[in-house]
């Protein structure tokens, strides 16, 4: 009886898959950071965050189709998603802050269905593709091979957003107000902080992150009606691992999950998600608040 052997893989191939893991990190972080921010301040776990990402991707496709300008999408598409997010917070989510979280989950799940049917009505059921800017096409020679320029751009953008978001929350006055309000809303309100306005800003910021992910990740995938479901589950695994309400946790969790997915595809394609969910179950049992979550 023989043993299963693992094929010998050149060292530079591992580096390419590591870079793929970093590109995955960018994607998961942008979605998970929005989930963490909204939950940390509003106490709402927004399952529709994946649908906001889908809106950003479809609108990016439409804008590129109209203008042939990918760079324009980096500014316009997230702004469109922000408008959708503000309307959702103002006319739907705001009425659920003080009721049972089960109703919040039902509301956001219902919102997923509404958004999907609206997108189906506008763009149909066919898969769509987005073409990146010409300067981002091609490959960079690395270790005798080539790696896509766009993947490098994708990764750099994600890391830059994380750094900017961390600096904003920890080094600016308004960011510190958000962190303080997340810890004690009543005290923040008694100090004269307009908490409802803060809610709108944070929900809009989470929507902007989802919209930006739609722009950046659009050229890497086939845009379809199932993408919101798939990525929200990955983002959920990230926030469980990193801890709800923690931006640093969202990034570290994204980094871990991104590498697990990348190297899982290398060794066990089609089954790589198993490792992600096993890790999520271990974290839930060992440290339910996540690696960076705070005790409540």
Protein backbone atom coordinates (compact mmCIF):
# COMPACT_ATOMS: atom_id res chain seq x y z
CA UNK A 1 0.00 0.00 0.00
CA UNK A 2 1.57 3.29 -1.09
CA UNK A 3 1.54 6.70 0.55
CA UNK A 4 0.16 9.90 -0.92
CA UNK A 5 3.08 12.03 -2.09
CA UNK A 6 3.10 15.80 -2.33
CA UNK A 7 4.66 16.97 -5.60
CA UNK A 8 7.84 19.00 -5.44
CA UNK A 9 7.07 22.68 -6.03
CA UNK A 10 9.74 25.28 -6.91
CA UNK A 11 10.33 27.87 -4.20
CA UNK A 12 9.30 30.85 -6.33
CA UNK A 13 5.84 29.29 -6.81
CA UNK A 14 5.32 29.53 -3.04
CA UNK A 15 6.16 33.22 -3.25
CA UNK A 16 3.58 33.73 -5.99
CA UNK A 17 0.93 32.04 -3.86
CA UNK A 18 1.99 34.20 -0.91
CA UNK A 19 1.37 37.26 -3.09
CA UNK A 20 -2.02 35.81 -4.03
CA UNK A 21 -2.73 35.49 -0.32
CA UNK A 22 -1.95 39.19 0.12
CA UNK A 23 -4.38 40.05 -2.69
CA UNK A 24 -7.00 37.94 -0.87
CA UNK A 25 -6.17 39.85 2.30
CA UNK A 26 -7.05 43.15 0.64
CA UNK A 27 -10.41 41.82 -0.49
CA UNK A 28 -11.40 40.31 2.85
CA UNK A 29 -10.18 43.30 4.85
CA UNK A 30 -12.26 45.87 2.98
CA UNK A 31 -15.42 43.87 3.60
CA UNK A 32 -14.61 42.73 7.15
CA UNK A 33 -13.50 46.22 8.25
CA UNK A 34 -16.91 47.59 7.32
CA UNK A 35 -18.60 44.79 9.27
CA UNK A 36 -16.41 45.47 12.31
CA UNK A 37 -16.92 49.24 12.24
CA UNK A 38 -20.69 49.01 11.95
CA UNK A 39 -20.97 46.36 14.64
CA UNK A 40 -18.51 48.12 16.94
CA UNK A 41 -20.48 51.38 17.05
CA UNK A 42 -24.02 50.53 15.95
CA UNK A 43 -24.20 47.00 17.35
CA UNK A 44 -25.63 45.83 14.01
CA UNK A 45 -24.20 42.86 12.15
CA UNK A 46 -24.93 43.91 8.59
CA UNK A 47 -25.31 40.82 6.43
CA UNK A 48 -26.07 43.12 3.49
CA UNK A 49 -22.43 44.30 3.45
CA UNK A 50 -21.73 41.69 0.78
CA UNK A 51 -24.57 43.11 -1.32
CA UNK A 52 -23.06 46.60 -1.02
CA UNK A 53 -19.86 45.13 -2.43
CA UNK A 54 -21.91 43.65 -5.28
CA UNK A 55 -23.49 47.05 -6.02
CA UNK A 56 -19.99 48.56 -6.23
CA UNK A 57 -18.84 45.84 -8.62
CA UNK A 58 -21.85 46.10 -10.94
CA UNK A 59 -21.75 49.89 -11.00
CA UNK A 60 -18.02 49.72 -11.78
CA UNK A 61 -18.82 47.45 -14.73
CA UNK A 62 -21.44 49.93 -15.97
CA UNK A 63 -19.20 52.97 -15.52
CA UNK A 64 -16.27 51.33 -17.33
CA UNK A 65 -18.69 50.33 -20.10
CA UNK A 66 -19.84 53.95 -20.43
CA UNK A 67 -16.56 55.83 -19.98
CA UNK A 68 -13.72 53.30 -20.48
CA UNK A 69 -12.16 54.99 -17.43
CA UNK A 70 -11.29 52.61 -14.60
CA UNK A 71 -9.75 55.38 -12.46
CA UNK A 72 -13.03 57.27 -12.39
CA UNK A 73 -14.64 54.23 -10.79
CA UNK A 74 -12.33 54.45 -7.77
CA UNK A 75 -14.07 57.70 -6.83
CA UNK A 76 -17.60 57.36 -8.21
CA UNK A 77 -18.56 53.75 -7.44
CA UNK A 78 -17.80 53.87 -3.67
CA UNK A 79 -19.68 57.18 -3.49
CA UNK A 80 -22.75 55.55 -5.08
CA UNK A 81 -22.60 52.75 -2.50
CA UNK A 82 -22.26 55.37 0.26
CA UNK A 83 -25.53 56.96 -0.89
CA UNK A 84 -27.23 53.56 -0.80
CA UNK A 85 -25.77 52.91 2.67
CA UNK A 86 -26.95 56.25 4.06
CA UNK A 87 -30.48 55.62 2.78
CA UNK A 88 -30.49 52.12 4.27
CA UNK A 89 -29.29 53.39 7.64
CA UNK A 90 -31.72 56.29 7.72
CA UNK A 91 -34.89 54.52 6.65
CA UNK A 92 -34.30 50.88 7.73
CA UNK A 93 -31.43 50.15 10.12
CA UNK A 94 -32.10 53.13 12.41
CA UNK A 95 -35.38 51.58 13.57
CA UNK A 96 -33.68 48.37 14.74
CA UNK A 97 -31.03 49.75 17.11
CA UNK A 98 -33.02 49.09 20.26
CA UNK A 99 -34.71 45.83 19.32
CA UNK A 100 -33.57 42.22 19.37
CA UNK A 101 -30.59 41.45 17.13
CA UNK A 102 -32.60 38.66 15.47
CA UNK A 103 -34.77 41.30 13.83
CA UNK A 104 -31.66 43.11 12.61
CA UNK A 105 -30.40 39.93 10.99
CA UNK A 106 -33.79 39.31 9.36
CA UNK A 107 -33.89 42.88 8.07
CA UNK A 108 -30.41 42.80 6.57
CA UNK A 109 -31.03 39.34 5.09
CA UNK A 110 -34.22 40.64 3.49
CA UNK A 111 -32.22 43.59 2.18
CA UNK A 112 -29.89 41.13 0.44
CA UNK A 113 -32.84 39.68 -1.47
CA UNK A 114 -34.12 43.13 -2.45
CA UNK A 115 -30.69 44.23 -3.71
CA UNK A 116 -30.16 41.00 -5.65
CA UNK A 117 -33.54 41.26 -7.36
CA UNK A 118 -32.91 44.91 -8.20
CA UNK A 119 -29.55 44.05 -9.75
CA UNK A 120 -31.15 41.14 -11.65
CA UNK A 121 -33.76 43.57 -13.00
CA UNK A 122 -31.15 46.11 -14.14
CA UNK A 123 -28.25 43.94 -15.34
CA UNK A 124 -29.82 40.53 -15.83
CA UNK A 125 -28.33 37.20 -14.77
CA UNK A 126 -25.33 37.09 -17.11
CA UNK A 127 -21.84 37.28 -15.68
CA UNK A 128 -20.06 40.58 -16.21
CA UNK A 129 -16.38 41.45 -16.42
CA UNK A 130 -14.45 44.65 -15.73
CA UNK A 131 -11.28 45.63 -17.56
CA UNK A 132 -8.61 47.36 -15.51
CA UNK A 133 -6.73 50.48 -16.67
CA UNK A 134 -4.11 49.92 -19.37
CA UNK A 135 -1.25 50.87 -17.07
CA UNK A 136 -2.29 48.09 -14.68
CA UNK A 137 -2.20 45.36 -17.32
CA UNK A 138 0.71 43.03 -17.90
CA UNK A 139 3.11 41.30 -15.54
CA UNK A 140 6.12 42.13 -13.38
CA UNK A 141 9.10 39.77 -13.74
CA UNK A 142 9.78 38.11 -10.38
CA UNK A 143 12.15 35.17 -9.79
CA UNK A 144 12.28 34.25 -13.46
CA UNK A 145 8.52 34.29 -13.83
CA UNK A 146 5.80 36.91 -14.01
CA UNK A 147 3.21 38.23 -11.60
CA UNK A 148 0.22 40.41 -12.63
CA UNK A 149 0.69 44.14 -12.14
CA UNK A 150 -2.95 44.52 -11.14
CA UNK A 151 -2.60 42.09 -8.22
CA UNK A 152 0.26 44.20 -6.86
CA UNK A 153 -1.86 47.34 -7.22
CA UNK A 154 -4.78 45.58 -5.50
CA UNK A 155 -2.58 44.62 -2.55
CA UNK A 156 -0.96 48.05 -2.17
CA UNK A 157 -4.37 49.74 -2.20
CA UNK A 158 -5.71 47.45 0.51
CA UNK A 159 -2.72 47.92 2.80
CA UNK A 160 -2.88 51.69 2.25
CA UNK A 161 -6.56 51.74 3.25
CA UNK A 162 -5.77 49.77 6.41
CA UNK A 163 -2.98 52.18 7.41
CA UNK A 164 -5.16 55.23 6.69
CA UNK A 165 -8.09 53.75 8.60
CA UNK A 166 -5.92 52.83 11.59
CA UNK A 167 -4.40 56.31 11.71
CA UNK A 168 -7.83 57.91 11.42
CA UNK A 169 -9.33 55.89 14.29
CA UNK A 170 -6.34 56.11 16.60
CA UNK A 171 -4.67 59.44 15.84
CA UNK A 172 -7.43 61.87 14.90
CA UNK A 173 -9.95 63.59 17.13
CA UNK A 174 -12.99 62.37 15.19
CA UNK A 175 -11.63 58.83 15.05
CA UNK A 176 -11.13 58.79 18.80
CA UNK A 177 -14.70 60.02 19.24
CA UNK A 178 -15.91 57.03 17.20
CA UNK A 179 -13.88 54.63 19.34
CA UNK A 180 -15.14 56.28 22.54
CA UNK A 181 -18.76 56.19 21.37
CA UNK A 182 -18.40 52.51 20.53
CA UNK A 183 -17.32 51.84 24.12
CA UNK A 184 -20.06 53.87 25.83
CA UNK A 185 -22.78 55.50 23.71
CA UNK A 186 -24.65 57.00 26.68
CA UNK A 187 -21.55 58.69 28.06
CA UNK A 188 -20.62 60.00 24.61
CA UNK A 189 -24.11 61.45 24.20
CA UNK A 190 -23.97 63.11 27.62
CA UNK A 191 -20.72 64.80 26.61
CA UNK A 192 -22.47 66.49 23.71
CA UNK A 193 -21.45 64.10 20.92
CA UNK A 194 -24.11 63.77 18.24
CA UNK A 195 -24.33 59.96 18.31
CA UNK A 196 -27.00 59.59 15.56
CA UNK A 197 -24.83 61.62 13.18
CA UNK A 198 -21.90 59.43 14.15
CA UNK A 199 -24.00 56.37 13.29
CA UNK A 200 -24.64 57.72 9.80
CA UNK A 201 -20.95 58.48 9.27
CA UNK A 202 -19.79 55.02 10.38
CA UNK A 203 -22.41 53.23 8.28
CA UNK A 204 -21.40 55.38 5.31
CA UNK A 205 -17.73 54.54 5.92
CA UNK A 206 -18.52 50.83 6.02
CA UNK A 207 -20.48 51.22 2.78
CA UNK A 208 -17.57 53.09 1.18
CA UNK A 209 -15.20 50.24 2.05
CA UNK A 210 -17.57 47.71 0.47
CA UNK A 211 -17.91 49.90 -2.63
CA UNK A 212 -14.13 50.27 -2.92
CA UNK A 213 -13.80 46.50 -2.71
CA UNK A 214 -16.29 46.23 -5.57
CA UNK A 215 -14.07 48.46 -7.71
CA UNK A 216 -10.76 46.82 -6.83
CA UNK A 217 -11.93 43.22 -6.94
CA UNK A 218 -14.10 43.55 -10.04
CA UNK A 219 -11.28 42.95 -12.57
CA UNK A 220 -10.21 39.78 -10.73
CA UNK A 221 -13.54 37.93 -10.85
CA UNK A 222 -16.63 37.28 -12.91
CA UNK A 223 -19.24 39.64 -11.48
CA UNK A 224 -22.40 37.68 -10.74
CA UNK A 225 -25.43 37.58 -8.46
CA UNK A 226 -23.88 35.04 -6.06
CA UNK A 227 -20.76 37.04 -5.22
CA UNK A 228 -22.32 38.80 -2.23
CA UNK A 229 -23.16 35.50 -0.49
CA UNK A 230 -19.73 34.03 -1.07
CA UNK A 231 -17.70 36.97 0.18
CA UNK A 232 -19.84 37.81 3.19
CA UNK A 233 -19.18 34.31 4.55
CA UNK A 234 -15.44 34.83 4.13
CA UNK A 235 -15.72 38.23 5.83
CA UNK A 236 -17.68 36.64 8.66
CA UNK A 237 -14.84 34.14 9.18
CA UNK A 238 -12.40 37.06 9.27
CA UNK A 239 -14.28 39.02 11.94
CA UNK A 240 -14.74 35.88 14.04
CA UNK A 241 -11.00 35.31 13.88
CA UNK A 242 -9.90 38.92 14.38
CA UNK A 243 -12.67 40.07 16.71
CA UNK A 244 -15.74 42.19 16.02
CA UNK A 245 -15.11 45.91 16.37
CA UNK A 246 -11.34 45.72 15.81
CA UNK A 247 -9.79 47.15 12.64
CA UNK A 248 -6.42 45.60 13.49
CA UNK A 249 -8.18 42.30 14.10
CA UNK A 250 -9.92 42.59 10.72
CA UNK A 251 -6.58 43.05 8.98
CA UNK A 252 -4.77 40.26 10.83
CA UNK A 253 -7.74 37.94 10.34
CA UNK A 254 -7.80 38.81 6.63
CA UNK A 255 -4.08 38.11 6.38
CA UNK A 256 -4.48 34.67 7.97
CA UNK A 257 -7.58 33.70 5.99
CA UNK A 258 -6.04 35.05 2.77
CA UNK A 259 -2.95 32.85 3.12
CA UNK A 260 -5.04 29.83 4.11
CA UNK A 261 -7.16 30.22 0.99
CA UNK A 262 -4.14 30.80 -1.27
CA UNK A 263 -2.11 27.79 -0.12
CA UNK A 264 -5.24 25.67 0.27
CA UNK A 265 -5.86 26.13 -3.46
CA UNK A 266 -2.29 25.01 -4.10
CA UNK A 267 -2.63 21.71 -2.23
CA UNK A 268 -6.34 20.89 -2.04
CA UNK A 269 -8.16 22.84 -4.77
CA UNK A 270 -11.97 23.01 -4.42
CA UNK A 271 -11.69 22.10 -0.72
CA UNK A 272 -9.57 24.99 0.58
CA UNK A 273 -12.51 26.53 2.46
CA UNK A 274 -12.47 23.61 4.90
CA UNK A 275 -9.33 24.94 6.61
CA UNK A 276 -10.87 28.40 6.99
CA UNK A 277 -14.01 27.09 8.68
CA UNK A 278 -12.09 24.68 10.90
CA UNK A 279 -9.95 27.59 12.11
CA UNK A 280 -13.10 29.64 12.69
CA UNK A 281 -14.61 26.87 14.84
CA UNK A 282 -11.41 26.54 16.87
CA UNK A 283 -11.36 30.30 17.55
CA UNK A 284 -15.03 30.29 18.55
CA UNK A 285 -14.35 27.55 21.09
CA UNK A 286 -10.98 28.77 22.38
CA UNK A 287 -11.45 32.56 22.24
CA UNK A 288 -15.02 33.52 21.30
CA UNK A 289 -14.25 37.26 21.20
CA UNK A 290 -11.52 36.72 18.55
CA UNK A 291 -7.80 37.42 18.63
CA UNK A 292 -8.20 41.20 19.10
CA UNK A 293 -11.74 41.45 20.44
CA UNK A 294 -12.35 42.98 23.85
CA UNK A 295 -14.17 41.32 26.73
CA UNK A 296 -17.68 42.60 27.27
